[in-house]
Protein backbone atom coordinates (compact mmCIF):
# COMPACT_ATOMS: atom_id res chain seq x y z
CA UNK A 1 57.84 -12.34 -8.72
CA UNK A 2 56.35 -11.26 -12.34
CA UNK A 3 56.71 -7.38 -13.79
CA UNK A 4 53.33 -4.49 -13.69
CA UNK A 5 52.43 -4.70 -16.33
CA UNK A 6 51.44 -0.89 -17.30
CA UNK A 7 48.10 0.68 -18.34
CA UNK A 8 49.29 0.56 -22.40
CA UNK A 9 50.27 -3.31 -21.89
CA UNK A 10 46.91 -4.12 -20.15
CA UNK A 11 45.28 -2.16 -22.91
CA UNK A 12 46.66 -4.53 -25.71
CA UNK A 13 45.55 -7.94 -24.20
CA UNK A 14 42.38 -6.48 -23.52
CA UNK A 15 42.34 -5.43 -27.49
CA UNK A 16 43.44 -9.14 -28.03
CA UNK A 17 41.54 -10.29 -25.82
CA UNK A 18 38.09 -9.71 -27.15
CA UNK A 19 39.73 -9.49 -30.92
CA UNK A 20 39.43 -13.67 -30.14
CA UNK A 21 36.15 -13.53 -29.95
CA UNK A 22 35.67 -12.31 -33.43
CA UNK A 23 38.37 -14.71 -34.44
CA UNK A 24 38.19 -18.56 -35.83
CA UNK A 25 39.87 -19.33 -32.97
CA UNK A 26 36.79 -18.58 -30.92
CA UNK A 27 35.37 -21.64 -28.76
CA UNK A 28 31.88 -21.33 -27.22
CA UNK A 29 33.30 -23.57 -24.67
CA UNK A 30 36.00 -21.00 -23.68
CA UNK A 31 34.26 -17.88 -24.10
CA UNK A 32 32.62 -17.61 -20.56
CA UNK A 33 36.37 -17.79 -19.08
CA UNK A 34 37.61 -15.58 -21.52
CA UNK A 35 35.13 -13.14 -20.59
CA UNK A 36 35.32 -13.53 -16.37
CA UNK A 37 39.23 -13.04 -17.24
CA UNK A 38 38.61 -10.70 -19.59
CA UNK A 39 36.38 -8.16 -17.48
CA UNK A 40 38.76 -8.16 -14.57
CA UNK A 41 41.29 -6.91 -16.50
CA UNK A 42 39.11 -4.11 -17.88
CA UNK A 43 38.29 -3.51 -14.31
CA UNK A 44 41.78 -3.38 -12.89
CA UNK A 45 42.59 -0.47 -16.30
CA UNK A 46 39.84 1.10 -14.64
CA UNK A 47 41.25 1.46 -11.52
CA UNK A 48 44.50 2.76 -12.90
CA UNK A 49 43.45 5.26 -14.65
CA UNK A 50 41.47 6.23 -11.77
CA UNK A 51 44.75 6.73 -9.53
CA UNK A 52 45.74 8.06 -12.56
CA UNK A 53 43.83 11.37 -12.61
CA UNK A 54 44.48 11.53 -9.13
CA UNK A 55 47.85 11.92 -9.83
CA UNK A 56 47.58 14.28 -11.74
CA UNK A 57 44.93 16.26 -9.94
CA UNK A 58 47.91 16.49 -7.14
CA UNK A 59 49.89 17.12 -9.42
CA UNK A 60 47.71 19.56 -10.60
CA UNK A 61 47.48 20.57 -7.37
CA UNK A 62 50.77 21.24 -6.59
CA UNK A 63 52.07 23.78 -9.28
CA UNK A 64 48.75 25.62 -9.01
CA UNK A 65 50.29 26.59 -5.41
């Protein structure tokens, strides 16, 4: 089983994917699939960040008691 990527790695992968659209390697034939994959990755990042935000709120509540 591959290691789970952390948020920083996912953001770096997203940036690399977006950069591809502006690179000389860009191919219109591949753009749709690449866009779909990057959209899913962006959703994963949003979910991860929301979970982190929730964890921080829980920790803040614990410390404020």
